[in-house]
C-alpha atoms as a PDB file:
ATOM      1  CA  UNK A   1       0.000   0.000   0.000  1.00  0.00           C
ATOM      2  CA  UNK A   2       2.865   2.360   0.810  1.00  0.00           C
ATOM      3  CA  UNK A   3       4.347   1.691  -2.601  1.00  0.00           C
ATOM      4  CA  UNK A   4       1.034   2.610  -4.223  1.00  0.00           C
ATOM      5  CA  UNK A   5       0.863   5.991  -2.470  1.00  0.00           C
ATOM      6  CA  UNK A   6       4.499   6.725  -3.267  1.00  0.00           C
ATOM      7  CA  UNK A   7       3.733   6.202  -6.935  1.00  0.00           C
ATOM      8  CA  UNK A   8       0.762   8.538  -6.801  1.00  0.00           C
ATOM      9  CA  UNK A   9       3.415  11.214  -6.393  1.00  0.00           C
ATOM     10  CA  UNK A  10       4.787  10.201  -9.791  1.00  0.00           C
ATOM     11  CA  UNK A  11       2.209  12.296 -11.539  1.00  0.00           C
ATOM     12  CA  UNK A  12       0.509  15.607 -10.899  1.00  0.00           C
ATOM     13  CA  UNK A  13      -2.097  17.467 -12.848  1.00  0.00           C
ATOM     14  CA  UNK A  14      -0.236  20.266 -14.564  1.00  0.00           C
ATOM     15  CA  UNK A  15      -2.867  21.676 -16.917  1.00  0.00           C
ATOM     16  CA  UNK A  16      -6.613  21.324 -16.480  1.00  0.00           C
ATOM     17  CA  UNK A  17      -9.056  21.383 -19.396  1.00  0.00           C
ATOM     18  CA  UNK A  18      -9.002  24.785 -21.027  1.00  0.00           C
ATOM     19  CA  UNK A  19      -9.610  26.546 -24.298  1.00  0.00           C
ATOM     20  CA  UNK A  20      -7.851  23.800 -26.243  1.00  0.00           C
ATOM     21  CA  UNK A  21     -10.048  21.235 -24.483  1.00  0.00           C
ATOM     22  CA  UNK A  22      -7.085  19.145 -23.385  1.00  0.00           C
ATOM     23  CA  UNK A  23      -5.465  17.861 -20.218  1.00  0.00           C
ATOM     24  CA  UNK A  24      -1.783  17.331 -19.464  1.00  0.00           C
ATOM     25  CA  UNK A  25      -0.512  15.148 -16.654  1.00  0.00           C
ATOM     26  CA  UNK A  26       3.123  15.371 -15.645  1.00  0.00           C
ATOM     27  CA  UNK A  27       5.098  12.129 -15.312  1.00  0.00           C
ATOM     28  CA  UNK A  28       8.056  11.683 -12.991  1.00  0.00           C
ATOM     29  CA  UNK A  29       9.112   8.453 -14.658  1.00  0.00           C
ATOM     30  CA  UNK A  30      10.178   7.816 -18.244  1.00  0.00           C
ATOM     31  CA  UNK A  31       7.652   5.828 -20.316  1.00  0.00           C
ATOM     32  CA  UNK A  32       8.979   2.930 -22.395  1.00  0.00           C
ATOM     33  CA  UNK A  33       5.806   1.137 -23.575  1.00  0.00           C
ATOM     34  CA  UNK A  34       2.085   1.849 -23.497  1.00  0.00           C
ATOM     35  CA  UNK A  35      -1.113  -0.104 -24.118  1.00  0.00           C
ATOM     36  CA  UNK A  36      -4.861   0.324 -23.733  1.00  0.00           C
ATOM     37  CA  UNK A  37      -7.375  -2.277 -22.605  1.00  0.00           C
ATOM     38  CA  UNK A  38     -10.917  -2.706 -23.931  1.00  0.00           C
ATOM     39  CA  UNK A  39     -12.264  -0.436 -21.163  1.00  0.00           C
ATOM     40  CA  UNK A  40      -9.954   2.358 -22.343  1.00  0.00           C
ATOM     41  CA  UNK A  41      -7.769   2.110 -19.264  1.00  0.00           C
ATOM     42  CA  UNK A  42      -4.196   3.149 -19.981  1.00  0.00           C
ATOM     43  CA  UNK A  43      -1.163   1.060 -19.017  1.00  0.00           C
ATOM     44  CA  UNK A  44       2.366   2.476 -19.091  1.00  0.00           C
ATOM     45  CA  UNK A  45       5.626   0.632 -18.464  1.00  0.00           C
ATOM     46  CA  UNK A  46       8.655   2.694 -17.516  1.00  0.00           C
ATOM     47  CA  UNK A  47      12.248   1.988 -18.558  1.00  0.00           C
ATOM     48  CA  UNK A  48      12.774  -0.368 -15.588  1.00  0.00           C
ATOM     49  CA  UNK A  49       9.653  -2.405 -16.276  1.00  0.00           C
ATOM     50  CA  UNK A  50       7.437  -0.899 -13.558  1.00  0.00           C
ATOM     51  CA  UNK A  51       3.780  -0.776 -14.628  1.00  0.00           C
ATOM     52  CA  UNK A  52       1.222   1.958 -14.014  1.00  0.00           C
ATOM     53  CA  UNK A  53      -2.499   1.502 -14.607  1.00  0.00           C
ATOM     54  CA  UNK A  54      -4.745   4.545 -15.108  1.00  0.00           C
ATOM     55  CA  UNK A  55      -8.521   4.723 -15.283  1.00  0.00           C
ATOM     56  CA  UNK A  56     -10.373   6.555 -18.056  1.00  0.00           C
ATOM     57  CA  UNK A  57      -9.891   9.858 -16.195  1.00  0.00           C
ATOM     58  CA  UNK A  58      -6.152   9.184 -15.938  1.00  0.00           C
ATOM     59  CA  UNK A  59      -6.272   8.557 -12.218  1.00  0.00           C
ATOM     60  CA  UNK A  60      -3.515   6.147 -11.178  1.00  0.00           C
ATOM     61  CA  UNK A  61      -5.254   3.069  -9.760  1.00  0.00           C
ATOM     62  CA  UNK A  62      -2.640   0.291  -9.672  1.00  0.00           C
ATOM     63  CA  UNK A  63       1.094  -0.217  -9.940  1.00  0.00           C
ATOM     64  CA  UNK A  64       3.360  -3.226 -10.311  1.00  0.00           C
ATOM     65  CA  UNK A  65       7.104  -3.568  -9.831  1.00  0.00           C
ATOM     66  CA  UNK A  66       8.848  -6.658 -11.284  1.00  0.00           C
ATOM     67  CA  UNK A  67      11.433  -8.603  -9.321  1.00  0.00           C
ATOM     68  CA  UNK A  68      14.015  -8.019 -12.070  1.00  0.00           C
ATOM     69  CA  UNK A  69      14.430  -4.545 -13.478  1.00  0.00           C
ATOM     70  CA  UNK A  70      14.766  -4.465 -17.256  1.00  0.00           C
ATOM     71  CA  UNK A  71      13.614  -2.455 -20.260  1.00  0.00           C
ATOM     72  CA  UNK A  72      10.187  -3.717 -21.438  1.00  0.00           C
ATOM     73  CA  UNK A  73      10.156  -4.602 -25.133  1.00  0.00           C
ATOM     74  CA  UNK A  74       6.405  -5.122 -25.548  1.00  0.00           C
ATOM     75  CA  UNK A  75       3.387  -4.356 -23.363  1.00  0.00           C
ATOM     76  CA  UNK A  76      -0.047  -5.736 -24.314  1.00  0.00           C
ATOM     77  CA  UNK A  77      -3.205  -4.998 -22.322  1.00  0.00           C
ATOM     78  CA  UNK A  78      -5.923  -5.188 -25.005  1.00  0.00           C
ATOM     79  CA  UNK A  79      -7.107  -8.629 -23.906  1.00  0.00           C
ATOM     80  CA  UNK A  80      -8.028  -6.894 -20.608  1.00  0.00           C
ATOM     81  CA  UNK A  81      -8.171  -9.993 -18.379  1.00  0.00           C
ATOM     82  CA  UNK A  82      -4.449 -10.590 -18.809  1.00  0.00           C
ATOM     83  CA  UNK A  83      -1.626  -8.077 -19.091  1.00  0.00           C
ATOM     84  CA  UNK A  84       1.487  -9.231 -20.948  1.00  0.00           C
ATOM     85  CA  UNK A  85       4.988  -7.761 -20.680  1.00  0.00           C
ATOM     86  CA  UNK A  86       7.967  -9.100 -22.639  1.00  0.00           C
ATOM     87  CA  UNK A  87      11.565  -8.392 -21.634  1.00  0.00           C
ATOM     88  CA  UNK A  88      13.855  -9.205 -24.544  1.00  0.00           C
ATOM     89  CA  UNK A  89      17.094  -8.744 -22.609  1.00  0.00           C
ATOM     90  CA  UNK A  90      16.004 -11.250 -19.957  1.00  0.00           C
ATOM     91  CA  UNK A  91      14.226 -13.555 -22.441  1.00  0.00           C
ATOM     92  CA  UNK A  92      11.338 -13.513 -19.984  1.00  0.00           C
ATOM     93  CA  UNK A  93       7.707 -12.464 -19.956  1.00  0.00           C
ATOM     94  CA  UNK A  94       5.258 -11.629 -17.187  1.00  0.00           C
ATOM     95  CA  UNK A  95       1.514 -12.279 -17.181  1.00  0.00           C
ATOM     96  CA  UNK A  96      -0.680 -10.347 -14.749  1.00  0.00           C
ATOM     97  CA  UNK A  97      -4.391 -10.137 -14.123  1.00  0.00           C
ATOM     98  CA  UNK A  98      -6.456  -7.079 -15.044  1.00  0.00           C
ATOM     99  CA  UNK A  99      -5.493  -5.228 -11.818  1.00  0.00           C
ATOM    100  CA  UNK A 100      -1.771  -6.006 -12.111  1.00  0.00           C
ATOM    101  CA  UNK A 101      -1.936  -8.824  -9.562  1.00  0.00           C
ATOM    102  CA  UNK A 102      -1.017 -12.522  -9.516  1.00  0.00           C
ATOM    103  CA  UNK A 103       2.151 -12.122 -11.616  1.00  0.00           C
ATOM    104  CA  UNK A 104       3.419 -15.187 -13.463  1.00  0.00           C
ATOM    105  CA  UNK A 105       7.084 -14.933 -14.434  1.00  0.00           C
ATOM    106  CA  UNK A 106       8.135 -17.180 -17.298  1.00  0.00           C
ATOM    107  CA  UNK A 107      11.332 -17.713 -19.258  1.00  0.00           C
ATOM    108  CA  UNK A 108      11.772 -19.041 -22.798  1.00  0.00           C
ATOM    109  CA  UNK A 109      13.937 -22.122 -22.204  1.00  0.00           C
ATOM    110  CA  UNK A 110      12.703 -24.707 -24.713  1.00  0.00           C
ATOM    111  CA  UNK A 111      15.151 -26.372 -27.119  1.00  0.00           C
ATOM    112  CA  UNK A 112      13.110 -25.205 -30.104  1.00  0.00           C
ATOM    113  CA  UNK A 113      13.115 -21.574 -28.940  1.00  0.00           C
ATOM    114  CA  UNK A 114      16.491 -19.902 -29.358  1.00  0.00           C
ATOM    115  CA  UNK A 115      16.383 -16.115 -29.068  1.00  0.00           C
ATOM    116  CA  UNK A 116      13.026 -14.338 -28.961  1.00  0.00           C
ATOM    117  CA  UNK A 117      13.231 -10.932 -30.566  1.00  0.00           C
ATOM    118  CA  UNK A 118       9.567 -10.046 -30.011  1.00  0.00           C
ATOM    119  CA  UNK A 119       6.514 -11.706 -28.451  1.00  0.00           C
ATOM    120  CA  UNK A 120       2.867 -10.872 -27.870  1.00  0.00           C
ATOM    121  CA  UNK A 121      -0.450 -12.407 -26.856  1.00  0.00           C
ATOM    122  CA  UNK A 122      -2.586 -14.156 -29.458  1.00  0.00           C
ATOM    123  CA  UNK A 123      -6.383 -14.113 -29.490  1.00  0.00           C
ATOM    124  CA  UNK A 124      -6.573 -17.832 -28.683  1.00  0.00           C
ATOM    125  CA  UNK A 125      -4.725 -17.407 -25.396  1.00  0.00           C
ATOM    126  CA  UNK A 126      -1.273 -18.384 -26.618  1.00  0.00           C
ATOM    127  CA  UNK A 127       1.794 -16.364 -27.600  1.00  0.00           C
ATOM    128  CA  UNK A 128       3.218 -15.279 -30.906  1.00  0.00           C
ATOM    129  CA  UNK A 129       6.996 -14.968 -30.970  1.00  0.00           C
ATOM    130  CA  UNK A 130       9.683 -14.270 -33.539  1.00  0.00           C
ATOM    131  CA  UNK A 131      12.789 -16.442 -33.120  1.00  0.00           C
ATOM    132  CA  UNK A 132      15.716 -14.447 -34.439  1.00  0.00           C
ATOM    133  CA  UNK A 133      18.098 -17.401 -34.739  1.00  0.00           C
ATOM    134  CA  UNK A 134      16.086 -19.566 -37.151  1.00  0.00           C
ATOM    135  CA  UNK A 135      14.001 -16.703 -38.664  1.00  0.00           C
ATOM    136  CA  UNK A 136      10.782 -18.419 -37.676  1.00  0.00           C
ATOM    137  CA  UNK A 137       7.450 -17.048 -36.550  1.00  0.00           C
ATOM    138  CA  UNK A 138       6.111 -19.338 -33.838  1.00  0.00           C
ATOM    139  CA  UNK A 139       2.893 -19.712 -31.897  1.00  0.00           C
ATOM    140  CA  UNK A 140       3.710 -20.916 -28.409  1.00  0.00           C
ATOM    141  CA  UNK A 141       1.303 -22.643 -26.034  1.00  0.00           C
ATOM    142  CA  UNK A 142       2.855 -21.500 -22.776  1.00  0.00           C
ATOM    143  CA  UNK A 143       0.536 -23.582 -20.582  1.00  0.00           C
ATOM    144  CA  UNK A 144       1.939 -26.795 -22.087  1.00  0.00           C
ATOM    145  CA  UNK A 145       5.212 -25.331 -23.339  1.00  0.00           C
ATOM    146  CA  UNK A 146       4.524 -26.520 -26.894  1.00  0.00           C
ATOM    147  CA  UNK A 147       5.094 -24.940 -30.285  1.00  0.00           C
ATOM    148  CA  UNK A 148       1.759 -24.997 -32.136  1.00  0.00           C
ATOM    149  CA  UNK A 149       2.870 -23.222 -35.324  1.00  0.00           C
ATOM    150  CA  UNK A 150       6.352 -22.755 -36.755  1.00  0.00           C
ATOM    151  CA  UNK A 151       6.360 -20.681 -39.938  1.00  0.00           C
ATOM    152  CA  UNK A 152       9.804 -19.980 -41.451  1.00  0.00           C
ATOM    153  CA  UNK A 153       9.808 -16.506 -42.919  1.00  0.00           C
ATOM    154  CA  UNK A 154      10.584 -15.940 -46.572  1.00  0.00           C
ATOM    155  CA  UNK A 155      14.228 -14.907 -46.789  1.00  0.00           C
ATOM    156  CA  UNK A 156      13.326 -12.513 -49.592  1.00  0.00           C
ATOM    157  CA  UNK A 157      11.454 -10.534 -46.950  1.00  0.00           C
ATOM    158  CA  UNK A 158      14.186 -10.546 -44.349  1.00  0.00           C
ATOM    159  CA  UNK A 159      17.971 -10.558 -44.117  1.00  0.00           C
ATOM    160  CA  UNK A 160      20.493 -11.313 -41.358  1.00  0.00           C
ATOM    161  CA  UNK A 161      20.243  -7.608 -40.495  1.00  0.00           C
ATOM    162  CA  UNK A 162      16.498  -7.898 -39.892  1.00  0.00           C
ATOM    163  CA  UNK A 163      15.423  -5.640 -37.046  1.00  0.00           C
ATOM    164  CA  UNK A 164      12.059  -6.669 -35.571  1.00  0.00           C
ATOM    165  CA  UNK A 165      10.847  -3.922 -33.243  1.00  0.00           C
ATOM    166  CA  UNK A 166       7.231  -4.620 -32.299  1.00  0.00           C
ATOM    167  CA  UNK A 167       4.396  -7.048 -32.872  1.00  0.00           C
ATOM    168  CA  UNK A 168       0.710  -7.246 -32.072  1.00  0.00           C
ATOM    169  CA  UNK A 169      -2.316  -9.312 -33.107  1.00  0.00           C
ATOM    170  CA  UNK A 170      -5.430  -7.436 -34.205  1.00  0.00           C
ATOM    171  CA  UNK A 171      -8.575  -8.538 -36.068  1.00  0.00           C
ATOM    172  CA  UNK A 172      -7.188 -12.072 -36.469  1.00  0.00           C
ATOM    173  CA  UNK A 173      -4.022 -10.823 -38.116  1.00  0.00           C
ATOM    174  CA  UNK A 174      -0.498 -10.462 -36.779  1.00  0.00           C
ATOM    175  CA  UNK A 175       1.355  -7.210 -37.445  1.00  0.00           C
ATOM    176  CA  UNK A 176       5.137  -7.084 -37.101  1.00  0.00           C
ATOM    177  CA  UNK A 177       7.177  -3.877 -37.368  1.00  0.00           C
ATOM    178  CA  UNK A 178      10.489  -4.508 -39.150  1.00  0.00           C
ATOM    179  CA  UNK A 179      12.608  -1.397 -39.255  1.00  0.00           C
ATOM    180  CA  UNK A 180      13.982  -1.656 -42.801  1.00  0.00           C
ATOM    181  CA  UNK A 181      10.941  -3.023 -44.655  1.00  0.00           C
ATOM    182  CA  UNK A 182       7.769  -1.862 -42.947  1.00  0.00           C
ATOM    183  CA  UNK A 183       4.940  -3.550 -41.084  1.00  0.00           C
ATOM    184  CA  UNK A 184       4.621  -7.198 -42.109  1.00  0.00           C
ATOM    185  CA  UNK A 185       1.120  -8.666 -41.932  1.00  0.00           C
ATOM    186  CA  UNK A 186       0.347 -12.361 -41.342  1.00  0.00           C
ATOM    187  CA  UNK A 187      -2.858 -14.354 -40.966  1.00  0.00           C
ATOM    188  CA  UNK A 188      -3.691 -16.238 -37.769  1.00  0.00           C
ATOM    189  CA  UNK A 189      -1.830 -19.308 -39.038  1.00  0.00           C
ATOM    190  CA  UNK A 190       1.396 -17.410 -39.533  1.00  0.00           C
ATOM    191  CA  UNK A 191       1.142 -17.064 -43.333  1.00  0.00           C
ATOM    192  CA  UNK A 192       2.552 -13.869 -44.831  1.00  0.00           C
ATOM    193  CA  UNK A 193      -0.059 -11.590 -46.423  1.00  0.00           C
ATOM    194  CA  UNK A 194       1.452  -8.195 -47.194  1.00  0.00           C
ATOM    195  CA  UNK A 195       3.810  -5.422 -46.139  1.00  0.00           C
ATOM    196  CA  UNK A 196       2.504  -1.997 -45.189  1.00  0.00           C
ATOM    197  CA  UNK A 197       5.105   0.590 -46.309  1.00  0.00           C
ATOM    198  CA  UNK A 198       6.062   2.039 -42.953  1.00  0.00           C
ATOM    199  CA  UNK A 199       9.834   1.883 -42.546  1.00  0.00           C
ATOM    200  CA  UNK A 200      11.482   2.776 -39.263  1.00  0.00           C
ATOM    201  CA  UNK A 201       8.403   2.068 -37.130  1.00  0.00           C
ATOM    202  CA  UNK A 202       9.182   0.952 -33.586  1.00  0.00           C
ATOM    203  CA  UNK A 203       5.648   0.928 -32.146  1.00  0.00           C
ATOM    204  CA  UNK A 204       2.089   1.116 -33.432  1.00  0.00           C
ATOM    205  CA  UNK A 205      -1.499   1.045 -32.197  1.00  0.00           C
ATOM    206  CA  UNK A 206      -4.957   0.437 -33.644  1.00  0.00           C
ATOM    207  CA  UNK A 207      -8.294   2.186 -33.661  1.00  0.00           C
ATOM    208  CA  UNK A 208     -11.293   0.496 -35.258  1.00  0.00           C
ATOM    209  CA  UNK A 209     -10.126  -0.398 -38.798  1.00  0.00           C
ATOM    210  CA  UNK A 210      -7.012   1.750 -38.725  1.00  0.00           C
ATOM    211  CA  UNK A 211      -3.361   1.215 -37.937  1.00  0.00           C
ATOM    212  CA  UNK A 212      -1.534   4.131 -36.287  1.00  0.00           C
ATOM    213  CA  UNK A 213       2.220   4.643 -36.512  1.00  0.00           C
ATOM    214  CA  UNK A 214       4.721   7.493 -36.523  1.00  0.00           C
ATOM    215  CA  UNK A 215       6.349   8.648 -39.748  1.00  0.00           C
ATOM    216  CA  UNK A 216       8.816  11.495 -39.301  1.00  0.00           C
ATOM    217  CA  UNK A 217       6.892  14.361 -37.653  1.00  0.00           C
ATOM    218  CA  UNK A 218       3.383  12.914 -38.078  1.00  0.00           C
ATOM    219  CA  UNK A 219       1.180  10.141 -36.805  1.00  0.00           C
ATOM    220  CA  UNK A 220      -0.189   8.207 -39.755  1.00  0.00           C
ATOM    221  CA  UNK A 221      -3.699   6.774 -39.489  1.00  0.00           C
ATOM    222  CA  UNK A 222      -3.638   3.997 -42.111  1.00  0.00           C
ATOM    223  CA  UNK A 223      -6.924   2.277 -42.984  1.00  0.00           C
ATOM    224  CA  UNK A 224      -6.323  -1.484 -43.004  1.00  0.00           C
ATOM    225  CA  UNK A 225      -8.646  -2.204 -45.942  1.00  0.00           C
ATOM    226  CA  UNK A 226      -8.705   0.853 -48.183  1.00  0.00           C
ATOM    227  CA  UNK A 227      -5.077   1.805 -47.368  1.00  0.00           C
ATOM    228  CA  UNK A 228      -6.059   5.448 -47.299  1.00  0.00           C
ATOM    229  CA  UNK A 229      -4.021   7.548 -44.897  1.00  0.00           C
ATOM    230  CA  UNK A 230      -4.383  10.760 -42.971  1.00  0.00           C
ATOM    231  CA  UNK A 231      -1.747  12.561 -40.924  1.00  0.00           C
ATOM    232  CA  UNK A 232      -1.858  14.021 -37.426  1.00  0.00           C
ATOM    233  CA  UNK A 233       0.965  16.265 -36.240  1.00  0.00           C
ATOM    234  CA  UNK A 234       3.078  14.344 -33.719  1.00  0.00           C
ATOM    235  CA  UNK A 235       5.278  17.029 -32.208  1.00  0.00           C
ATOM    236  CA  UNK A 236       7.471  15.365 -29.587  1.00  0.00           C
ATOM    237  CA  UNK A 237       4.965  12.640 -28.709  1.00  0.00           C
ATOM    238  CA  UNK A 238       6.459   9.141 -28.583  1.00  0.00           C
ATOM    239  CA  UNK A 239       3.146   7.252 -28.412  1.00  0.00           C
ATOM    240  CA  UNK A 240      -0.411   8.018 -29.501  1.00  0.00           C
ATOM    241  CA  UNK A 241      -3.656   6.122 -28.884  1.00  0.00           C
ATOM    242  CA  UNK A 242      -7.038   7.037 -30.328  1.00  0.00           C
ATOM    243  CA  UNK A 243     -10.352   6.171 -28.672  1.00  0.00           C
ATOM    244  CA  UNK A 244     -13.966   6.999 -29.496  1.00  0.00           C
ATOM    245  CA  UNK A 245     -13.821  10.160 -27.383  1.00  0.00           C
ATOM    246  CA  UNK A 246     -10.227  11.306 -27.099  1.00  0.00           C
ATOM    247  CA  UNK A 247      -6.660  11.274 -28.350  1.00  0.00           C
ATOM    248  CA  UNK A 248      -4.005  10.194 -25.865  1.00  0.00           C
ATOM    249  CA  UNK A 249      -0.425  11.291 -26.508  1.00  0.00           C
ATOM    250  CA  UNK A 250       2.483  10.211 -24.341  1.00  0.00           C
ATOM    251  CA  UNK A 251       5.637  12.311 -24.168  1.00  0.00           C
ATOM    252  CA  UNK A 252       8.883  11.735 -22.303  1.00  0.00           C
ATOM    253  CA  UNK A 253       7.572  13.679 -19.318  1.00  0.00           C
ATOM    254  CA  UNK A 254       3.785  13.881 -19.560  1.00  0.00           C
ATOM    255  CA  UNK A 255       0.498  12.545 -20.912  1.00  0.00           C
ATOM    256  CA  UNK A 256      -1.756  14.764 -23.008  1.00  0.00           C
ATOM    257  CA  UNK A 257      -5.416  14.030 -23.614  1.00  0.00           C
ATOM    258  CA  UNK A 258      -7.325  15.925 -26.315  1.00  0.00           C
ATOM    259  CA  UNK A 259     -11.111  15.707 -26.439  1.00  0.00           C
END
């Protein structure tokens, strides 16, 4: 409980809603990953892997501190009932319940898993992972520690210098950000479908039928089916999430909500 109240001090309201109809909340930690659940609650992981859960009014309601401090590679909260955090450096992942409790720490130690570059939750309750050593996209049943799908990636798509930065499943498709090529799209069996031209992307989000990523000084809202795009000025924001009622932008030192 003491830890919770200490972390409340990590943010203060620094600008209430005004003419611009926006709110800024100052952060006293440095955000490394963000995710939103289906109830539009915001989750932020800092550079040491500590998690912060905010309600829809951006009130801090829960925190979690891992036993091992490490930079979080991927944070996924969309499933809502389970929160997933992957730590590439440790080759470990943590599963928590919807209020950041009951943590399950797991390590990739199977013979057929070599070095996991990126991992995320799948809709069927398993994990997608990209094994950098054998260039294979794998679906992993962590409850039984079995590989359900192993799909070697086409070497014409990737090279030994391949730099996978982020991955997430959405609408029964898997999206993988590869820095040099763009966002690779796969079906739910691990079959390659297409590449969205978005080079240099290190993180992305979704809203309805759109993919959102940063390109230079703008956020690009890319429709998944028509491929039409519109731009939103990014400024210094490092993350952006759209909801039905607001735009959430995360900076190095604050959160901004625009209504």
